[in-house]
Structures are given as C-alpha cells and as structure tokens.
Amino acid sequence: MASDLKKIGDLLILLGGIIGLIQGILLIAGMPFTILPGLGDFGLGPLIWGILAILFSLIALVNSGFLKISVLEFSNKWLVVLIMGILMYLFSSGLGGVLVIIGAILLLL
C-alpha cells in the first residue's frame, strides 16, 4: 500500500512539475494560462512570474528524483517538495502547485 502511494505521489509531482514548467514558459512568452485562481501578481511582471514558475518547478522535479541538477538538490526531499508546491501555488502555477503538494503529502505517508 505504501509503495502504491509513493508511486502515485511521484506521478503527481512529475505532472505538477511539468505543468509548472509549461505555465512558466507561457508566462514568459506572454500567454498566461491559469486554471486555479491565484493571490495576485504582487506587482511583479510576467517575466519574473515565469522565471519563478520555472525555478520552483525545477526544484520540485530535482528533489523528487526526476531531474539531476546538483545545485538545486537538498537533503530533506519531501519537505522541500512540499514547500516548492506551496510556492508554486502562491506565485506561479495553481494546478501544478496543488498536484505537487498532494504528491509530497503522499510521499510522506
């Protein structure tokens, strides 16, 4: 049962990270795509939002084990993935952030 939850959590993190990357690229290109409501733009331009979306998505994907970038890798992996999911939801990618949050919670179980 725990192995199945870990596989589902990994899949949700992968999907959330990919969605976050796509939304970041679309934000930089000037074609924002949102599914869930955000908290506002805090006065940041779409270029900064896109860079944040890509950065948070990459950190979530690296710490879940899907990408290998040693600079973005941290020791407490599930906690870092959970925090990146929260930051993705708050700042850049609503749906991707929610998927990463749920995946990190499933990794903990």
PDB file of N, CA and C in Angstrom:
ATOM      1  N   MET A   1       0.821  -1.203   0.000  1.00  0.00           N
ATOM      2  CA  MET A   1       0.000   0.000   0.000  1.00  0.00           C
ATOM      3  C   MET A   1       0.863   1.263   0.000  1.00  0.00           C
ATOM      4  N   ALA A   2       1.911   1.266   0.836  1.00  0.00           N
ATOM      5  CA  ALA A   2       2.778   2.444   0.909  1.00  0.00           C
ATOM      6  C   ALA A   2       3.537   2.644  -0.398  1.00  0.00           C
ATOM      7  N   SER A   3       3.910   1.551  -1.028  1.00  0.00           N
ATOM      8  CA  SER A   3       4.620   1.653  -2.300  1.00  0.00           C
ATOM      9  C   SER A   3       3.717   2.258  -3.383  1.00  0.00           C
ATOM     10  N   ASP A   4       2.434   1.872  -3.359  1.00  0.00           N
ATOM     11  CA  ASP A   4       1.490   2.430  -4.325  1.00  0.00           C
ATOM     12  C   ASP A   4       1.291   3.929  -4.105  1.00  0.00           C
ATOM     13  N   LEU A   5       1.202   4.347  -2.834  1.00  0.00           N
ATOM     14  CA  LEU A   5       1.047   5.771  -2.540  1.00  0.00           C
ATOM     15  C   LEU A   5       2.281   6.549  -2.977  1.00  0.00           C
ATOM     16  N   LYS A   6       3.463   5.959  -2.798  1.00  0.00           N
ATOM     17  CA  LYS A   6       4.690   6.627  -3.233  1.00  0.00           C
ATOM     18  C   LYS A   6       4.720   6.770  -4.753  1.00  0.00           C
ATOM     19  N   LYS A   7       4.277   5.747  -5.473  1.00  0.00           N
ATOM     20  CA  LYS A   7       4.243   5.830  -6.933  1.00  0.00           C
ATOM     21  C   LYS A   7       3.253   6.884  -7.405  1.00  0.00           C
ATOM     22  N   ILE A   8       2.093   6.941  -6.760  1.00  0.00           N
ATOM     23  CA  ILE A   8       1.091   7.954  -7.114  1.00  0.00           C
ATOM     24  C   ILE A   8       1.620   9.350  -6.782  1.00  0.00           C
ATOM     25  N   GLY A   9       2.279   9.489  -5.611  1.00  0.00           N
ATOM     26  CA  GLY A   9       2.865  10.776  -5.233  1.00  0.00           C
ATOM     27  C   GLY A   9       3.938  11.218  -6.216  1.00  0.00           C
ATOM     28  N   ASP A  10       4.790  10.275  -6.642  1.00  0.00           N
ATOM     29  CA  ASP A  10       5.817  10.611  -7.636  1.00  0.00           C
ATOM     30  C   ASP A  10       5.185  11.062  -8.954  1.00  0.00           C
ATOM     31  N   LEU A  11       4.139  10.380  -9.362  1.00  0.00           N
ATOM     32  CA  LEU A  11       3.455  10.742 -10.610  1.00  0.00           C
ATOM     33  C   LEU A  11       2.820  12.132 -10.511  1.00  0.00           C
ATOM     34  N   LEU A  12       2.193  12.433  -9.373  1.00  0.00           N
ATOM     35  CA  LEU A  12       1.584  13.752  -9.195  1.00  0.00           C
ATOM     36  C   LEU A  12       2.640  14.858  -9.181  1.00  0.00           C
ATOM     37  N   ILE A  13       3.787  14.588  -8.554  1.00  0.00           N
ATOM     38  CA  ILE A  13       4.863  15.583  -8.546  1.00  0.00           C
ATOM     39  C   ILE A  13       5.393  15.793  -9.955  1.00  0.00           C
ATOM     40  N   LEU A  14       5.544  14.717 -10.714  1.00  0.00           N
ATOM     41  CA  LEU A  14       6.012  14.840 -12.092  1.00  0.00           C
ATOM     42  C   LEU A  14       5.028  15.653 -12.933  1.00  0.00           C
ATOM     43  N   LEU A  15       3.740  15.342 -12.826  1.00  0.00           N
ATOM     44  CA  LEU A  15       2.734  16.099 -13.586  1.00  0.00           C
ATOM     45  C   LEU A  15       2.685  17.559 -13.160  1.00  0.00           C
ATOM     46  N   GLY A  16       2.737  17.810 -11.851  1.00  0.00           N
ATOM     47  CA  GLY A  16       2.716  19.181 -11.355  1.00  0.00           C
ATOM     48  C   GLY A  16       3.929  19.972 -11.794  1.00  0.00           C
ATOM     49  N   GLY A  17       5.104  19.327 -11.784  1.00  0.00           N
ATOM     50  CA  GLY A  17       6.316  20.000 -12.239  1.00  0.00           C
ATOM     51  C   GLY A  17       6.269  20.329 -13.717  1.00  0.00           C
ATOM     52  N   ILE A  18       5.757  19.403 -14.520  1.00  0.00           N
ATOM     53  CA  ILE A  18       5.647  19.654 -15.962  1.00  0.00           C
ATOM     54  C   ILE A  18       4.650  20.769 -16.238  1.00  0.00           C
ATOM     55  N   ILE A  19       3.523  20.749 -15.535  1.00  0.00           N
ATOM     56  CA  ILE A  19       2.527  21.811 -15.711  1.00  0.00           C
ATOM     57  C   ILE A  19       3.116  23.155 -15.291  1.00  0.00           C
ATOM     58  N   GLY A  20       3.873  23.174 -14.187  1.00  0.00           N
ATOM     59  CA  GLY A  20       4.526  24.413 -13.748  1.00  0.00           C
ATOM     60  C   GLY A  20       5.529  24.931 -14.764  1.00  0.00           C
ATOM     61  N   LEU A  21       6.309  24.022 -15.358  1.00  0.00           N
ATOM     62  CA  LEU A  21       7.258  24.438 -16.391  1.00  0.00           C
ATOM     63  C   LEU A  21       6.538  25.025 -17.599  1.00  0.00           C
ATOM     64  N   ILE A  22       5.467  24.371 -18.026  1.00  0.00           N
ATOM     65  CA  ILE A  22       4.698  24.863 -19.184  1.00  0.00           C
ATOM     66  C   ILE A  22       4.086  26.225 -18.875  1.00  0.00           C
ATOM     67  N   GLN A  23       3.519  26.378 -17.684  1.00  0.00           N
ATOM     68  CA  GLN A  23       2.930  27.668 -17.335  1.00  0.00           C
ATOM     69  C   GLN A  23       3.994  28.760 -17.240  1.00  0.00           C
ATOM     70  N   GLY A  24       5.184  28.433 -16.753  1.00  0.00           N
ATOM     71  CA  GLY A  24       6.264  29.406 -16.696  1.00  0.00           C
ATOM     72  C   GLY A  24       6.708  29.851 -18.079  1.00  0.00           C
ATOM     73  N   ILE A  25       6.835  28.885 -18.984  1.00  0.00           N
ATOM     74  CA  ILE A  25       7.215  29.216 -20.362  1.00  0.00           C
ATOM     75  C   ILE A  25       6.140  30.072 -21.020  1.00  0.00           C
ATOM     76  N   LEU A  26       4.876  29.733 -20.789  1.00  0.00           N
ATOM     77  CA  LEU A  26       3.788  30.526 -21.368  1.00  0.00           C
ATOM     78  C   LEU A  26       3.736  31.936 -20.786  1.00  0.00           C
ATOM     79  N   LEU A  27       4.043  32.065 -19.489  1.00  0.00           N
ATOM     80  CA  LEU A  27       4.075  33.399 -18.883  1.00  0.00           C
ATOM     81  C   LEU A  27       5.177  34.256 -19.504  1.00  0.00           C
ATOM     82  N   ILE A  28       6.350  33.675 -19.689  1.00  0.00           N
ATOM     83  CA  ILE A  28       7.448  34.420 -20.299  1.00  0.00           C
ATOM     84  C   ILE A  28       7.104  34.811 -21.732  1.00  0.00           C
ATOM     85  N   ALA A  29       6.402  33.915 -22.437  1.00  0.00           N
ATOM     86  CA  ALA A  29       6.028  34.192 -23.827  1.00  0.00           C
ATOM     87  C   ALA A  29       4.856  35.168 -23.936  1.00  0.00           C
ATOM     88  N   GLY A  30       4.260  35.533 -22.811  1.00  0.00           N
ATOM     89  CA  GLY A  30       3.167  36.497 -22.837  1.00  0.00           C
ATOM     90  C   GLY A  30       1.801  35.874 -23.060  1.00  0.00           C
ATOM     91  N   MET A  31       1.675  34.567 -22.839  1.00  0.00           N
ATOM     92  CA  MET A  31       0.396  33.872 -22.999  1.00  0.00           C
ATOM     93  C   MET A  31       0.044  33.159 -21.698  1.00  0.00           C
ATOM     94  N   PRO A  32      -0.369  33.885 -20.662  1.00  0.00           N
ATOM     95  CA  PRO A  32      -0.616  33.240 -19.370  1.00  0.00           C
ATOM     96  C   PRO A  32      -1.766  32.239 -19.451  1.00  0.00           C
ATOM     97  N   PHE A  33      -1.604  31.150 -18.717  1.00  0.00           N
ATOM     98  CA  PHE A  33      -2.587  30.073 -18.691  1.00  0.00           C
ATOM     99  C   PHE A  33      -2.824  29.711 -17.234  1.00  0.00           C
ATOM    100  N   THR A  34      -4.016  30.033 -16.720  1.00  0.00           N
ATOM    101  CA  THR A  34      -4.320  29.719 -15.331  1.00  0.00           C
ATOM    102  C   THR A  34      -5.592  28.899 -15.252  1.00  0.00           C
ATOM    103  N   ILE A  35      -5.596  27.964 -14.335  1.00  0.00           N
ATOM    104  CA  ILE A  35      -6.784  27.143 -14.100  1.00  0.00           C
ATOM    105  C   ILE A  35      -7.382  27.482 -12.745  1.00  0.00           C
ATOM    106  N   LEU A  36      -6.542  27.557 -11.724  1.00  0.00           N
ATOM    107  CA  LEU A  36      -6.994  27.904 -10.383  1.00  0.00           C
ATOM    108  C   LEU A  36      -6.671  29.366 -10.105  1.00  0.00           C
ATOM    109  N   PRO A  37      -7.493  30.035  -9.291  1.00  0.00           N
ATOM    110  CA  PRO A  37      -7.218  31.450  -9.009  1.00  0.00           C
ATOM    111  C   PRO A  37      -5.954  31.607  -8.173  1.00  0.00           C
ATOM    112  N   GLY A  38      -5.223  32.663  -8.443  1.00  0.00           N
ATOM    113  CA  GLY A  38      -4.012  32.959  -7.689  1.00  0.00           C
ATOM    114  C   GLY A  38      -4.275  34.032  -6.656  1.00  0.00           C
ATOM    115  N   LEU A  39      -3.228  34.493  -6.022  1.00  0.00           N
ATOM    116  CA  LEU A  39      -3.368  35.512  -4.989  1.00  0.00           C
ATOM    117  C   LEU A  39      -3.120  36.916  -5.500  1.00  0.00           C
ATOM    118  N   GLY A  40      -2.791  37.073  -6.758  1.00  0.00           N
ATOM    119  CA  GLY A  40      -2.465  38.375  -7.307  1.00  0.00           C
ATOM    120  C   GLY A  40      -1.051  38.355  -7.838  1.00  0.00           C
ATOM    121  N   ASP A  41      -0.639  39.453  -8.419  1.00  0.00           N
ATOM    122  CA  ASP A  41       0.690  39.445  -9.034  1.00  0.00           C
ATOM    123  C   ASP A  41       1.744  40.152  -8.201  1.00  0.00           C
ATOM    124  N   PHE A  42       1.394  40.743  -7.074  1.00  0.00           N
ATOM    125  CA  PHE A  42       2.329  41.390  -6.160  1.00  0.00           C
ATOM    126  C   PHE A  42       3.200  42.433  -6.864  1.00  0.00           C
ATOM    127  N   GLY A  43       2.736  42.954  -7.977  1.00  0.00           N
ATOM    128  CA  GLY A  43       3.479  43.972  -8.703  1.00  0.00           C
ATOM    129  C   GLY A  43       4.620  43.442  -9.554  1.00  0.00           C
ATOM    130  N   LEU A  44       4.732  42.126  -9.680  1.00  0.00           N
ATOM    131  CA  LEU A  44       5.797  41.538 -10.495  1.00  0.00           C
ATOM    132  C   LEU A  44       5.304  41.377 -11.927  1.00  0.00           C
ATOM    133  N   GLY A  45       6.195  41.542 -12.871  1.00  0.00           N
ATOM    134  CA  GLY A  45       5.844  41.389 -14.271  1.00  0.00           C
ATOM    135  C   GLY A  45       5.789  39.924 -14.674  1.00  0.00           C
ATOM    136  N   PRO A  46       5.253  39.648 -15.863  1.00  0.00           N
ATOM    137  CA  PRO A  46       5.129  38.260 -16.314  1.00  0.00           C
ATOM    138  C   PRO A  46       6.474  37.562 -16.508  1.00  0.00           C
ATOM    139  N   LEU A  47       7.537  38.314 -16.796  1.00  0.00           N
ATOM    140  CA  LEU A  47       8.857  37.698 -16.938  1.00  0.00           C
ATOM    141  C   LEU A  47       9.326  37.122 -15.597  1.00  0.00           C
ATOM    142  N   ILE A  48       9.163  37.887 -14.524  1.00  0.00           N
ATOM    143  CA  ILE A  48       9.557  37.419 -13.185  1.00  0.00           C
ATOM    144  C   ILE A  48       8.690  36.246 -12.769  1.00  0.00           C
ATOM    145  N   TRP A  49       7.363  36.314 -13.036  1.00  0.00           N
ATOM    146  CA  TRP A  49       6.461  35.209 -12.708  1.00  0.00           C
ATOM    147  C   TRP A  49       6.868  33.943 -13.443  1.00  0.00           C
ATOM    148  N   GLY A  50       7.209  34.080 -14.709  1.00  0.00           N
ATOM    149  CA  GLY A  50       7.613  32.917 -15.496  1.00  0.00           C
ATOM    150  C   GLY A  50       8.904  32.304 -14.983  1.00  0.00           C
ATOM    151  N   ILE A  51       9.864  33.149 -14.618  1.00  0.00           N
ATOM    152  CA  ILE A  51      11.127  32.648 -14.077  1.00  0.00           C
ATOM    153  C   ILE A  51      10.891  31.939 -12.750  1.00  0.00           C
ATOM    154  N   LEU A  52      10.042  32.503 -11.888  1.00  0.00           N
ATOM    155  CA  LEU A  52       9.721  31.853 -10.622  1.00  0.00           C
ATOM    156  C   LEU A  52       9.025  30.512 -10.846  1.00  0.00           C
ATOM    157  N   ALA A  53       8.104  30.458 -11.797  1.00  0.00           N
ATOM    158  CA  ALA A  53       7.405  29.200 -12.086  1.00  0.00           C
ATOM    159  C   ALA A  53       8.380  28.126 -12.546  1.00  0.00           C
ATOM    160  N   ILE A  54       9.287  28.491 -13.417  1.00  0.00           N
ATOM    161  CA  ILE A  54      10.269  27.526 -13.922  1.00  0.00           C
ATOM    162  C   ILE A  54      11.222  27.096 -12.807  1.00  0.00           C
ATOM    163  N   LEU A  55      11.692  28.038 -11.994  1.00  0.00           N
ATOM    164  CA  LEU A  55      12.624  27.718 -10.918  1.00  0.00           C
ATOM    165  C   LEU A  55      11.980  26.795  -9.879  1.00  0.00           C
ATOM    166  N   PHE A  56      10.766  27.137  -9.420  1.00  0.00           N
ATOM    167  CA  PHE A  56      10.104  26.303  -8.418  1.00  0.00           C
ATOM    168  C   PHE A  56       9.794  24.911  -8.971  1.00  0.00           C
ATOM    169  N   SER A  57       9.393  24.842 -10.233  1.00  0.00           N
ATOM    170  CA  SER A  57       9.103  23.545 -10.849  1.00  0.00           C
ATOM    171  C   SER A  57      10.362  22.697 -10.968  1.00  0.00           C
ATOM    172  N   LEU A  58      11.469  23.325 -11.362  1.00  0.00           N
ATOM    173  CA  LEU A  58      12.731  22.583 -11.465  1.00  0.00           C
ATOM    174  C   LEU A  58      13.199  22.070 -10.110  1.00  0.00           C
ATOM    175  N   ILE A  59      13.069  22.884  -9.065  1.00  0.00           N
ATOM    176  CA  ILE A  59      13.472  22.445  -7.728  1.00  0.00           C
ATOM    177  C   ILE A  59      12.598  21.282  -7.271  1.00  0.00           C
ATOM    178  N   ALA A  60      11.299  21.339  -7.533  1.00  0.00           N
ATOM    179  CA  ALA A  60      10.416  20.235  -7.162  1.00  0.00           C
ATOM    180  C   ALA A  60      10.776  18.965  -7.934  1.00  0.00           C
ATOM    181  N   LEU A  61      11.058  19.082  -9.219  1.00  0.00           N
ATOM    182  CA  LEU A  61      11.408  17.911 -10.016  1.00  0.00           C
ATOM    183  C   LEU A  61      12.764  17.331  -9.618  1.00  0.00           C
ATOM    184  N   VAL A  62      13.730  18.173  -9.292  1.00  0.00           N
ATOM    185  CA  VAL A  62      15.056  17.683  -8.880  1.00  0.00           C
ATOM    186  C   VAL A  62      14.959  16.936  -7.556  1.00  0.00           C
ATOM    187  N   ASN A  63      14.232  17.494  -6.588  1.00  0.00           N
ATOM    188  CA  ASN A  63      14.165  16.882  -5.274  1.00  0.00           C
ATOM    189  C   ASN A  63      13.233  15.678  -5.221  1.00  0.00           C
ATOM    190  N   SER A  64      12.424  15.478  -6.241  1.00  0.00           N
ATOM    191  CA  SER A  64      11.624  14.257  -6.301  1.00  0.00           C
ATOM    192  C   SER A  64      12.362  13.152  -7.047  1.00  0.00           C
ATOM    193  N   GLY A  65      13.490  13.475  -7.675  1.00  0.00           N
ATOM    194  CA  GLY A  65      14.316  12.465  -8.304  1.00  0.00           C
ATOM    195  C   GLY A  65      14.150  12.338  -9.804  1.00  0.00           C
ATOM    196  N   PHE A  66      13.392  13.212 -10.450  1.00  0.00           N
ATOM    197  CA  PHE A  66      13.165  13.112 -11.888  1.00  0.00           C
ATOM    198  C   PHE A  66      14.243  13.805 -12.702  1.00  0.00           C
ATOM    199  N   LEU A  67      14.891  14.796 -12.134  1.00  0.00           N
ATOM    200  CA  LEU A  67      15.989  15.500 -12.808  1.00  0.00           C
ATOM    201  C   LEU A  67      17.221  15.443 -11.920  1.00  0.00           C
ATOM    202  N   LYS A  68      18.381  15.543 -12.514  1.00  0.00           N
ATOM    203  CA  LYS A  68      19.633  15.551 -11.763  1.00  0.00           C
ATOM    204  C   LYS A  68      20.354  16.880 -12.000  1.00  0.00           C
ATOM    205  N   ILE A  69      20.141  17.829 -11.110  1.00  0.00           N
ATOM    206  CA  ILE A  69      20.863  19.097 -11.111  1.00  0.00           C
ATOM    207  C   ILE A  69      21.366  19.276  -9.681  1.00  0.00           C
ATOM    208  N   SER A  70      22.657  19.074  -9.462  1.00  0.00           N
ATOM    209  CA  SER A  70      23.189  19.017  -8.099  1.00  0.00           C
ATOM    210  C   SER A  70      23.055  20.345  -7.347  1.00  0.00           C
ATOM    211  N   VAL A  71      23.019  21.448  -8.050  1.00  0.00           N
ATOM    212  CA  VAL A  71      22.909  22.751  -7.389  1.00  0.00           C
ATOM    213  C   VAL A  71      21.546  22.925  -6.718  1.00  0.00           C
ATOM    214  N   LEU A  72      20.500  22.342  -7.291  1.00  0.00           N
ATOM    215  CA  LEU A  72      19.143  22.513  -6.780  1.00  0.00           C
ATOM    216  C   LEU A  72      18.702  21.388  -5.852  1.00  0.00           C
ATOM    217  N   GLU A  73      19.609  20.482  -5.475  1.00  0.00           N
ATOM    218  CA  GLU A  73      19.233  19.327  -4.666  1.00  0.00           C
ATOM    219  C   GLU A  73      19.451  19.630  -3.179  1.00  0.00           C
ATOM    220  N   PHE A  74      18.471  19.269  -2.364  1.00  0.00           N
ATOM    221  CA  PHE A  74      18.524  19.498  -0.926  1.00  0.00           C
ATOM    222  C   PHE A  74      18.419  18.167  -0.191  1.00  0.00           C
ATOM    223  N   SER A  75      18.631  18.184   1.130  1.00  0.00           N
ATOM    224  CA  SER A  75      18.686  16.927   1.873  1.00  0.00           C
ATOM    225  C   SER A  75      17.304  16.401   2.267  1.00  0.00           C
ATOM    226  N   ASN A  76      16.442  17.224   2.803  1.00  0.00           N
ATOM    227  CA  ASN A  76      15.124  16.770   3.248  1.00  0.00           C
ATOM    228  C   ASN A  76      14.140  16.887   2.088  1.00  0.00           C
ATOM    229  N   LYS A  77      14.059  15.865   1.289  1.00  0.00           N
ATOM    230  CA  LYS A  77      13.422  15.947  -0.024  1.00  0.00           C
ATOM    231  C   LYS A  77      11.918  16.189   0.037  1.00  0.00           C
ATOM    232  N   TRP A  78      11.172  15.448   0.818  1.00  0.00           N
ATOM    233  CA  TRP A  78       9.717  15.610   0.781  1.00  0.00           C
ATOM    234  C   TRP A  78       9.305  16.977   1.304  1.00  0.00           C
ATOM    235  N   LEU A  79      10.041  17.509   2.299  1.00  0.00           N
ATOM    236  CA  LEU A  79       9.718  18.826   2.833  1.00  0.00           C
ATOM    237  C   LEU A  79      10.012  19.916   1.805  1.00  0.00           C
ATOM    238  N   VAL A  80      11.121  19.781   1.094  1.00  0.00           N
ATOM    239  CA  VAL A  80      11.463  20.754   0.046  1.00  0.00           C
ATOM    240  C   VAL A  80      10.428  20.706  -1.070  1.00  0.00           C
ATOM    241  N   VAL A  81       9.996  19.497  -1.450  1.00  0.00           N
ATOM    242  CA  VAL A  81       8.983  19.373  -2.500  1.00  0.00           C
ATOM    243  C   VAL A  81       7.665  19.999  -2.033  1.00  0.00           C
ATOM    244  N   LEU A  82       7.302  19.789  -0.767  1.00  0.00           N
ATOM    245  CA  LEU A  82       6.075  20.392  -0.232  1.00  0.00           C
ATOM    246  C   LEU A  82       6.165  21.915  -0.250  1.00  0.00           C
ATOM    247  N   ILE A  83       7.280  22.467   0.182  1.00  0.00           N
ATOM    248  CA  ILE A  83       7.449  23.925   0.188  1.00  0.00           C
ATOM    249  C   ILE A  83       7.432  24.473  -1.239  1.00  0.00           C
ATOM    250  N   MET A  84       8.066  23.777  -2.171  1.00  0.00           N
ATOM    251  CA  MET A  84       8.045  24.226  -3.570  1.00  0.00           C
ATOM    252  C   MET A  84       6.625  24.167  -4.137  1.00  0.00           C
ATOM    253  N   GLY A  85       5.847  23.171  -3.739  1.00  0.00           N
ATOM    254  CA  GLY A  85       4.453  23.106  -4.173  1.00  0.00           C
ATOM    255  C   GLY A  85       3.644  24.291  -3.664  1.00  0.00           C
ATOM    256  N   ILE A  86       3.872  24.653  -2.410  1.00  0.00           N
ATOM    257  CA  ILE A  86       3.179  25.816  -1.844  1.00  0.00           C
ATOM    258  C   ILE A  86       3.602  27.091  -2.565  1.00  0.00           C
ATOM    259  N   LEU A  87       4.902  27.244  -2.812  1.00  0.00           N
ATOM    260  CA  LEU A  87       5.374  28.437  -3.532  1.00  0.00           C
ATOM    261  C   LEU A  87       4.875  28.455  -4.972  1.00  0.00           C
ATOM    262  N   MET A  88       4.807  27.278  -5.597  1.00  0.00           N
ATOM    263  CA  MET A  88       4.262  27.222  -6.956  1.00  0.00           C
ATOM    264  C   MET A  88       2.813  27.686  -6.959  1.00  0.00           C
ATOM    265  N   TYR A  89       2.037  27.238  -5.976  1.00  0.00           N
ATOM    266  CA  TYR A  89       0.631  27.650  -5.930  1.00  0.00           C
ATOM    267  C   TYR A  89       0.508  29.143  -5.662  1.00  0.00           C
ATOM    268  N   LEU A  90       1.285  29.666  -4.738  1.00  0.00           N
ATOM    269  CA  LEU A  90       1.169  31.071  -4.373  1.00  0.00           C
ATOM    270  C   LEU A  90       1.645  32.014  -5.466  1.00  0.00           C
ATOM    271  N   PHE A  91       2.736  31.677  -6.125  1.00  0.00           N
ATOM    272  CA  PHE A  91       3.373  32.641  -7.012  1.00  0.00           C
ATOM    273  C   PHE A  91       3.207  32.381  -8.495  1.00  0.00           C
ATOM    274  N   SER A  92       2.995  31.155  -8.914  1.00  0.00           N
ATOM    275  CA  SER A  92       3.091  30.979 -10.352  1.00  0.00           C
ATOM    276  C   SER A  92       2.096  29.985 -10.933  1.00  0.00           C
ATOM    277  N   SER A  93       2.015  28.789 -10.404  1.00  0.00           N
ATOM    278  CA  SER A  93       1.272  27.723 -11.061  1.00  0.00           C
ATOM    279  C   SER A  93       0.275  27.110 -10.096  1.00  0.00           C
ATOM    280  N   GLY A  94      -0.982  27.451 -10.238  1.00  0.00           N
ATOM    281  CA  GLY A  94      -2.000  26.967  -9.321  1.00  0.00           C
ATOM    282  C   GLY A  94      -2.191  25.463  -9.361  1.00  0.00           C
ATOM    283  N   LEU A  95      -2.527  24.927 -10.526  1.00  0.00           N
ATOM    284  CA  LEU A  95      -2.790  23.490 -10.652  1.00  0.00           C
ATOM    285  C   LEU A  95      -1.520  22.676 -10.423  1.00  0.00           C
ATOM    286  N   GLY A  96      -0.407  23.101 -10.982  1.00  0.00           N
ATOM    287  CA  GLY A  96       0.850  22.398 -10.768  1.00  0.00           C
ATOM    288  C   GLY A  96       1.241  22.380  -9.298  1.00  0.00           C
ATOM    289  N   GLY A  97       1.040  23.483  -8.622  1.00  0.00           N
ATOM    290  CA  GLY A  97       1.347  23.564  -7.188  1.00  0.00           C
ATOM    291  C   GLY A  97       0.490  22.635  -6.364  1.00  0.00           C
ATOM    292  N   VAL A  98      -0.801  22.561  -6.673  1.00  0.00           N
ATOM    293  CA  VAL A  98      -1.701  21.667  -5.937  1.00  0.00           C
ATOM    294  C   VAL A  98      -1.288  20.215  -6.149  1.00  0.00           C
ATOM    295  N   LEU A  99      -0.943  19.848  -7.376  1.00  0.00           N
ATOM    296  CA  LEU A  99      -0.511  18.475  -7.651  1.00  0.00           C
ATOM    297  C   LEU A  99       0.782  18.142  -6.913  1.00  0.00           C
ATOM    298  N   VAL A 100       1.718  19.075  -6.866  1.00  0.00           N
ATOM    299  CA  VAL A 100       2.972  18.843  -6.152  1.00  0.00           C
ATOM    300  C   VAL A 100       2.721  18.732  -4.646  1.00  0.00           C
ATOM    301  N   ILE A 101       1.839  19.540  -4.091  1.00  0.00           N
ATOM    302  CA  ILE A 101       1.508  19.467  -2.667  1.00  0.00           C
ATOM    303  C   ILE A 101       0.907  18.113  -2.331  1.00  0.00           C
ATOM    304  N   ILE A 102      -0.052  17.661  -3.120  1.00  0.00           N
ATOM    305  CA  ILE A 102      -0.682  16.359  -2.863  1.00  0.00           C
ATOM    306  C   ILE A 102       0.339  15.234  -3.017  1.00  0.00           C
ATOM    307  N   GLY A 103       1.205  15.329  -4.026  1.00  0.00           N
ATOM    308  CA  GLY A 103       2.245  14.319  -4.214  1.00  0.00           C
ATOM    309  C   GLY A 103       3.219  14.271  -3.048  1.00  0.00           C
ATOM    310  N   ALA A 104       3.608  15.430  -2.522  1.00  0.00           N
ATOM    311  CA  ALA A 104       4.529  15.454  -1.375  1.00  0.00           C
ATOM    312  C   ALA A 104       3.879  14.861  -0.139  1.00  0.00           C
ATOM    313  N   ILE A 105       2.601  15.124   0.058  1.00  0.00           N
ATOM    314  CA  ILE A 105       1.888  14.541   1.206  1.00  0.00           C
ATOM    315  C   ILE A 105       1.818  13.022   1.060  1.00  0.00           C
ATOM    316  N   LEU A 106       1.581  12.531  -0.152  1.00  0.00           N
ATOM    317  CA  LEU A 106       1.541  11.091  -0.376  1.00  0.00           C
ATOM    318  C   LEU A 106       2.915  10.454  -0.179  1.00  0.00           C
ATOM    319  N   LEU A 107       3.993  11.179  -0.482  1.00  0.00           N
ATOM    320  CA  LEU A 107       5.336  10.658  -0.233  1.00  0.00           C
ATOM    321  C   LEU A 107       5.596  10.500   1.253  1.00  0.00           C
ATOM    322  N   LEU A 108       4.997  11.351   2.055  1.00  0.00           N
ATOM    323  CA  LEU A 108       5.197  11.306   3.495  1.00  0.00           C
ATOM    324  C   LEU A 108       4.504  10.099   4.121  1.00  0.00           C
ATOM    325  N   LEU A 109       3.374   9.699   3.582  1.00  0.00           N
ATOM    326  CA  LEU A 109       2.601   8.580   4.154  1.00  0.00           C
ATOM    327  C   LEU A 109       3.284   7.251   4.005  1.00  0.00           C
TER     328      LEU A 109
END
